[in-house]
């Protein structure tokens, strides 16, 4: 059982993130400076309005609560509005299970998810599929057959878990460059074998990860916290020398973190896609075409940049989403 870390207040977290993002003295990116606010765009002035007509349709857009997922939800919300859809914004729901259940029961109609989450968490498979496209295709096929959920994709990017430490971590922790070195490290330096992870990672991955690498951390030295706090706390090596991260997070570089090499490819790339109930896609087949267009326009470099606009430059997820849509010509 991981301990829950509660000592840093929201204000303290914000200050820590701003200090990390701005500590170099460099200005916000040009992209962030050019990002429009919702009142400065013409949703009907781009290719979506020209190519798609979903007038009269009403859909609720959801997302999980981490930055990347919320940005993707906002992109989808504004894109649907540009196509004439009356949308309800339910982005920022807490955790995969809540937003997925909301999709299944009709409280949410559309949101982005990742094939690895679908394969292990929703379909409850233990088999590890190393190939990212095979994982996606099998997830999409089985989820449709078993649960009536359709995956529209894959997008041109994916995400994956990783483990990071401070790049300048002192002592033995700073010498761990590969995950397969964790086994010896945990046994030789148990007092320094400390780890931070968010609730979903701890529930889905933690026990299997320790077993695979034969690295049994002491339960008292494992801290459960929000994903954002993982980055802050591992950067200062307090209370943890290692932490769960996402590989598309712009904070890795800005906060001086080093991703510990995953030589065995334990953490596979999880391709992203829009998910909808099959009956919704059948009733509004244009959703498939629009979803594929959005997914093809978002590659790994793009999603990292959008994440950075929010997590480093301090923009809202709405502003990052509108910037992307405008730059791609989807809106005016």
Protein backbone atom coordinates (compact mmCIF):
# COMPACT_ATOMS: atom_id res chain seq x y z
CA UNK A 1 0.00 0.00 0.00
CA UNK A 2 1.46 3.34 -1.04
CA UNK A 3 1.33 6.28 1.35
CA UNK A 4 -0.57 9.36 0.20
CA UNK A 5 1.51 12.55 0.04
CA UNK A 6 -0.52 15.54 1.17
CA UNK A 7 1.98 18.07 2.46
CA UNK A 8 2.27 20.28 -0.65
CA UNK A 9 -0.63 22.67 -1.04
CA UNK A 10 -2.10 23.61 -4.39
CA UNK A 11 -0.47 27.03 -4.11
CA UNK A 12 2.87 25.42 -3.39
CA UNK A 13 2.55 23.14 -6.38
CA UNK A 14 1.72 26.07 -8.65
CA UNK A 15 4.71 28.01 -7.41
CA UNK A 16 6.98 25.01 -7.91
CA UNK A 17 5.80 24.48 -11.45
CA UNK A 18 6.17 28.14 -12.34
CA UNK A 19 9.64 28.27 -10.85
CA UNK A 20 10.66 25.22 -12.86
CA UNK A 21 9.12 26.49 -16.07
CA UNK A 22 10.52 29.98 -15.79
CA UNK A 23 13.74 29.38 -13.88
CA UNK A 24 15.90 29.82 -16.99
CA UNK A 25 14.59 33.33 -17.52
CA UNK A 26 13.45 32.40 -21.01
CA UNK A 27 10.15 33.86 -22.24
CA UNK A 28 7.12 31.72 -23.02
CA UNK A 29 7.27 30.07 -26.43
CA UNK A 30 6.25 31.96 -29.53
CA UNK A 31 3.42 29.49 -29.96
CA UNK A 32 2.07 30.27 -26.51
CA UNK A 33 2.32 34.00 -27.15
CA UNK A 34 0.27 33.54 -30.31
CA UNK A 35 -2.37 31.24 -28.80
CA UNK A 36 -5.90 32.64 -29.20
CA UNK A 37 -8.57 32.84 -26.54
CA UNK A 38 -12.03 31.38 -27.25
CA UNK A 39 -13.37 34.81 -28.21
CA UNK A 40 -10.65 35.36 -30.81
CA UNK A 41 -11.39 32.48 -33.17
CA UNK A 42 -13.93 31.79 -35.87
CA UNK A 43 -15.01 28.19 -35.44
CA UNK A 44 -16.85 28.32 -38.76
CA UNK A 45 -13.88 29.74 -40.65
CA UNK A 46 -11.83 26.62 -41.36
CA UNK A 47 -11.82 23.25 -43.05
CA UNK A 48 -14.02 21.51 -40.47
CA UNK A 49 -17.02 23.75 -41.10
CA UNK A 50 -16.41 23.47 -44.83
CA UNK A 51 -16.11 19.68 -44.91
CA UNK A 52 -18.42 18.48 -42.11
CA UNK A 53 -22.01 19.21 -41.17
CA UNK A 54 -23.24 17.75 -37.90
CA UNK A 55 -25.85 20.44 -37.26
CA UNK A 56 -28.58 19.37 -34.88
CA UNK A 57 -26.38 16.81 -33.11
CA UNK A 58 -25.77 17.13 -29.36
CA UNK A 59 -22.78 15.36 -27.78
CA UNK A 60 -21.06 15.38 -24.40
CA UNK A 61 -17.26 15.44 -24.59
CA UNK A 62 -15.23 13.91 -21.78
CA UNK A 63 -11.60 13.47 -20.82
CA UNK A 64 -9.45 12.26 -17.98
CA UNK A 65 -7.94 14.79 -15.60
CA UNK A 66 -4.30 15.06 -16.73
CA UNK A 67 -3.10 17.81 -19.05
CA UNK A 68 -2.76 15.83 -22.27
CA UNK A 69 -6.18 14.23 -21.95
CA UNK A 70 -7.88 17.55 -21.19
CA UNK A 71 -6.19 19.19 -24.21
CA UNK A 72 -7.40 16.37 -26.44
CA UNK A 73 -10.89 16.74 -25.02
CA UNK A 74 -10.89 20.48 -25.69
CA UNK A 75 -9.63 19.92 -29.26
CA UNK A 76 -12.51 17.52 -29.82
CA UNK A 77 -15.06 19.84 -28.23
CA UNK A 78 -14.12 22.83 -30.37
CA UNK A 79 -13.80 20.68 -33.51
CA UNK A 80 -17.30 19.32 -32.96
CA UNK A 81 -18.64 22.84 -32.40
CA UNK A 82 -17.01 23.85 -35.70
CA UNK A 83 -18.94 21.03 -37.37
CA UNK A 84 -22.22 22.32 -35.91
CA UNK A 85 -22.52 20.06 -32.87
CA UNK A 86 -24.03 21.38 -29.66
CA UNK A 87 -21.48 20.19 -27.12
CA UNK A 88 -21.44 19.76 -23.36
CA UNK A 89 -17.97 19.92 -21.79
CA UNK A 90 -17.27 17.17 -19.27
CA UNK A 91 -13.49 17.22 -19.59
CA UNK A 92 -11.32 16.62 -16.55
CA UNK A 93 -13.04 13.59 -15.05
CA UNK A 94 -11.02 11.85 -12.35
CA UNK A 95 -9.38 8.71 -13.73
CA UNK A 96 -9.87 6.18 -16.50
CA UNK A 97 -12.60 4.14 -14.85
CA UNK A 98 -14.87 7.13 -14.26
CA UNK A 99 -14.69 8.53 -17.78
CA UNK A 100 -14.96 5.06 -19.33
CA UNK A 101 -18.03 4.21 -17.23
CA UNK A 102 -19.51 7.56 -18.23
CA UNK A 103 -19.03 6.62 -21.89
CA UNK A 104 -20.64 3.22 -21.43
CA UNK A 105 -23.69 4.55 -19.57
CA UNK A 106 -24.22 7.53 -21.88
CA UNK A 107 -23.17 10.37 -19.58
CA UNK A 108 -20.27 11.01 -21.98
CA UNK A 109 -20.46 10.43 -25.74
CA UNK A 110 -16.88 10.83 -26.90
CA UNK A 111 -13.37 11.03 -25.42
CA UNK A 112 -9.75 10.07 -26.15
CA UNK A 113 -8.14 6.98 -24.67
CA UNK A 114 -5.03 4.83 -25.05
CA UNK A 115 -4.90 1.28 -26.37
CA UNK A 116 -2.85 -0.06 -23.48
CA UNK A 117 -5.45 1.17 -21.01
CA UNK A 118 -8.17 -0.46 -23.05
CA UNK A 119 -6.28 -3.74 -23.34
CA UNK A 120 -5.36 -4.16 -19.68
CA UNK A 121 -7.92 -2.15 -17.73
CA UNK A 122 -11.17 -2.38 -19.68
CA UNK A 123 -10.66 -5.75 -21.37
CA UNK A 124 -8.76 -7.20 -18.39
CA UNK A 125 -6.03 -8.89 -20.44
CA UNK A 126 -2.79 -10.05 -18.83
CA UNK A 127 -1.04 -10.80 -22.12
CA UNK A 128 1.65 -8.23 -22.93
CA UNK A 129 1.60 -7.08 -26.56
CA UNK A 130 4.89 -5.42 -27.48
CA UNK A 131 3.88 -4.13 -30.92
CA UNK A 132 1.93 -0.89 -30.52
CA UNK A 133 -0.17 -1.27 -33.68
CA UNK A 134 -1.09 -4.88 -32.87
CA UNK A 135 -2.07 -3.79 -29.36
CA UNK A 136 -4.28 -1.07 -30.80
CA UNK A 137 -5.94 -3.31 -33.39
CA UNK A 138 -6.70 -6.09 -30.92
CA UNK A 139 -8.01 -3.61 -28.35
CA UNK A 140 -10.28 -1.93 -30.92
CA UNK A 141 -11.61 -5.24 -32.23
CA UNK A 142 -12.27 -6.81 -28.83
CA UNK A 143 -13.73 -3.66 -27.27
CA UNK A 144 -16.20 -3.35 -30.12
CA UNK A 145 -17.15 -7.03 -29.94
CA UNK A 146 -17.41 -7.24 -26.17
CA UNK A 147 -18.56 -3.78 -25.12
CA UNK A 148 -19.88 -1.97 -28.18
CA UNK A 149 -17.17 0.71 -27.93
CA UNK A 150 -15.63 1.92 -31.18
CA UNK A 151 -12.07 3.24 -31.42
CA UNK A 152 -11.54 5.90 -34.11
CA UNK A 153 -7.85 5.88 -34.94
CA UNK A 154 -5.09 5.30 -34.23
CA UNK A 155 -3.71 8.81 -34.00
CA UNK A 156 -0.19 9.67 -35.14
CA UNK A 157 1.02 9.65 -31.53
CA UNK A 158 0.91 7.48 -28.46
CA UNK A 159 1.94 7.75 -24.86
CA UNK A 160 3.60 5.45 -22.43
CA UNK A 161 4.59 5.19 -18.84
CA UNK A 162 8.20 5.58 -17.82
CA UNK A 163 10.31 5.99 -14.71
CA UNK A 164 12.45 9.08 -14.17
CA UNK A 165 14.93 10.46 -11.68
CA UNK A 166 16.55 13.84 -11.31
CA UNK A 167 19.29 14.10 -13.94
CA UNK A 168 21.65 15.44 -11.26
CA UNK A 169 20.53 13.05 -8.52
CA UNK A 170 23.39 12.59 -6.04
CA UNK A 171 24.72 9.31 -4.75
CA UNK A 172 23.74 5.83 -5.90
CA UNK A 173 20.34 6.91 -7.25
CA UNK A 174 22.13 9.08 -9.79
CA UNK A 175 23.94 6.03 -11.11
CA UNK A 176 20.75 4.15 -12.05
CA UNK A 177 20.47 4.60 -15.82
CA UNK A 178 18.49 1.49 -16.74
CA UNK A 179 15.45 -0.16 -15.18
CA UNK A 180 17.26 -3.49 -15.06
CA UNK A 181 19.66 -1.91 -12.53
CA UNK A 182 16.83 -1.37 -10.04
CA UNK A 183 16.99 -4.87 -8.59
CA UNK A 184 20.53 -4.48 -7.27
CA UNK A 185 19.91 -0.86 -6.29
CA UNK A 186 16.86 -1.67 -4.15
CA UNK A 187 18.77 -4.38 -2.27
CA UNK A 188 22.04 -2.49 -1.86
CA UNK A 189 20.51 0.90 -1.01
CA UNK A 190 17.05 0.23 0.47
CA UNK A 191 16.90 3.61 2.23
CA UNK A 192 17.26 5.41 -1.11
CA UNK A 193 14.78 3.19 -2.96
CA UNK A 194 11.87 5.64 -2.84
CA UNK A 195 9.14 5.98 -5.47
CA UNK A 196 6.26 8.34 -6.34
CA UNK A 197 3.28 7.30 -8.46
CA UNK A 198 -0.29 8.36 -9.08
CA UNK A 199 -3.26 6.22 -8.11
CA UNK A 200 -3.91 4.74 -11.53
CA UNK A 201 -0.28 3.70 -12.05
CA UNK A 202 -0.10 2.18 -8.59
CA UNK A 203 -3.29 0.21 -9.19
CA UNK A 204 -2.48 -0.94 -12.72
CA UNK A 205 1.28 -1.30 -12.92
CA UNK A 206 3.12 -1.18 -9.62
CA UNK A 207 3.04 -4.79 -8.43
CA UNK A 208 3.71 -6.23 -11.89
CA UNK A 209 6.53 -3.74 -12.45
CA UNK A 210 8.28 -4.71 -9.21
CA UNK A 211 7.88 -8.40 -10.00
CA UNK A 212 9.22 -8.05 -13.53
CA UNK A 213 12.37 -6.22 -12.44
CA UNK A 214 12.69 -8.12 -9.15
CA UNK A 215 12.82 -4.78 -7.36
CA UNK A 216 10.71 -4.93 -4.18
CA UNK A 217 10.51 -1.40 -2.80
CA UNK A 218 9.57 -1.08 0.87
CA UNK A 219 5.90 -0.11 1.08
CA UNK A 220 6.73 2.69 3.53
CA UNK A 221 8.95 4.31 0.88
CA UNK A 222 6.34 4.38 -1.88
CA UNK A 223 4.22 7.54 -2.10
CA UNK A 224 0.91 7.89 -3.93
CA UNK A 225 0.24 11.41 -5.21
CA UNK A 226 -1.06 13.29 -8.22
CA UNK A 227 0.85 12.97 -11.48
CA UNK A 228 1.89 16.64 -11.34
CA UNK A 229 3.46 16.15 -7.92
CA UNK A 230 5.48 13.20 -9.24
CA UNK A 231 7.50 15.58 -11.40
CA UNK A 232 7.96 18.22 -8.71
CA UNK A 233 9.01 15.80 -6.00
CA UNK A 234 11.34 13.59 -8.01
CA UNK A 235 13.05 16.71 -9.38
CA UNK A 236 14.02 17.65 -5.82
CA UNK A 237 14.48 14.00 -4.77
CA UNK A 238 12.08 14.47 -1.89
CA UNK A 239 10.30 12.32 -0.90
CA UNK A 240 11.22 10.11 -3.88
CA UNK A 241 14.29 9.37 -5.97
CA UNK A 242 12.23 7.74 -8.74
CA UNK A 243 8.78 8.48 -10.11
CA UNK A 244 6.26 7.45 -12.71
CA UNK A 245 6.09 9.82 -15.68
CA UNK A 246 4.53 10.07 -19.14
CA UNK A 247 7.03 10.15 -21.98
CA UNK A 248 5.19 12.93 -23.86
CA UNK A 249 5.31 15.33 -20.88
CA UNK A 250 7.18 18.57 -21.60
CA UNK A 251 8.16 18.86 -17.93
CA UNK A 252 10.76 16.11 -18.29
CA UNK A 253 13.22 18.48 -19.94
CA UNK A 254 12.21 21.67 -18.20
CA UNK A 255 12.52 20.15 -14.72
CA UNK A 256 15.82 18.41 -15.40
CA UNK A 257 14.56 14.84 -15.26
CA UNK A 258 16.24 11.82 -16.80
CA UNK A 259 14.06 8.97 -18.01
CA UNK A 260 15.55 5.71 -16.80
CA UNK A 261 16.18 3.59 -19.89
CA UNK A 262 13.61 0.87 -20.49
CA UNK A 263 15.92 -1.63 -22.18
CA UNK A 264 13.34 -4.43 -22.09
CA UNK A 265 10.58 -2.20 -23.50
CA UNK A 266 8.50 -3.10 -20.47
CA UNK A 267 6.36 -0.02 -20.95
CA UNK A 268 4.92 -0.22 -24.45
CA UNK A 269 3.70 2.74 -26.49
CA UNK A 270 -0.06 3.05 -26.17
CA UNK A 271 -1.51 4.51 -29.36
CA UNK A 272 -4.22 7.11 -28.79
CA UNK A 273 -7.67 7.22 -30.37
CA UNK A 274 -11.10 8.73 -29.96
CA UNK A 275 -13.61 6.35 -28.38
CA UNK A 276 -17.39 6.43 -28.85
CA UNK A 277 -20.27 4.04 -28.42
CA UNK A 278 -20.80 2.09 -31.64
CA UNK A 279 -24.40 3.23 -31.96
CA UNK A 280 -23.25 6.87 -31.77
CA UNK A 281 -20.76 6.33 -34.59
CA UNK A 282 -23.38 4.51 -36.65
CA UNK A 283 -25.91 7.29 -36.12
CA UNK A 284 -23.33 9.97 -36.98
CA UNK A 285 -20.75 8.29 -39.28
CA UNK A 286 -19.14 11.65 -40.03
CA UNK A 287 -17.62 11.42 -36.54
CA UNK A 288 -15.29 8.73 -37.87
CA UNK A 289 -13.94 10.91 -40.66
CA UNK A 290 -13.53 13.94 -38.40
CA UNK A 291 -11.87 11.86 -35.68
CA UNK A 292 -9.36 10.40 -38.12
CA UNK A 293 -8.51 13.87 -39.45
CA UNK A 294 -7.79 15.13 -35.95
CA UNK A 295 -5.72 12.08 -35.03
CA UNK A 296 -3.60 12.25 -38.17
CA UNK A 297 -2.74 15.88 -37.40
CA UNK A 298 -1.44 15.19 -33.87
CA UNK A 299 1.98 13.59 -33.83
CA UNK A 300 4.31 13.14 -30.86
CA UNK A 301 6.13 16.43 -31.38
CA UNK A 302 2.81 18.27 -31.55
CA UNK A 303 1.35 16.77 -28.38
CA UNK A 304 4.56 17.45 -26.43
CA UNK A 305 4.44 21.08 -27.56
CA UNK A 306 0.77 21.42 -26.60
CA UNK A 307 1.45 19.87 -23.19
CA UNK A 308 4.27 22.39 -22.71
CA UNK A 309 2.04 25.33 -23.55
CA UNK A 310 -0.11 24.40 -20.55
CA UNK A 311 2.35 22.90 -18.06
CA UNK A 312 5.29 25.22 -18.74
CA UNK A 313 3.92 28.43 -20.27
CA UNK A 314 0.80 28.60 -18.13
CA UNK A 315 -1.83 28.67 -20.86
CA UNK A 316 -5.21 27.03 -20.43
CA UNK A 317 -6.08 23.78 -22.17
CA UNK A 318 -8.66 25.76 -24.18
CA UNK A 319 -5.97 28.10 -25.51
CA UNK A 320 -3.66 25.23 -26.46
CA UNK A 321 -6.49 23.40 -28.23
CA UNK A 322 -7.59 26.47 -30.17
CA UNK A 323 -4.00 27.22 -31.18
CA UNK A 324 -3.65 23.71 -32.61
CA UNK A 325 -6.95 23.86 -34.49
CA UNK A 326 -6.18 27.29 -35.91
CA UNK A 327 -2.64 26.40 -36.97
CA UNK A 328 -3.91 23.30 -38.78
CA UNK A 329 -6.56 25.33 -40.58
CA UNK A 330 -9.39 23.43 -38.92
CA UNK A 331 -10.87 26.73 -37.66
CA UNK A 332 -10.36 30.40 -38.51
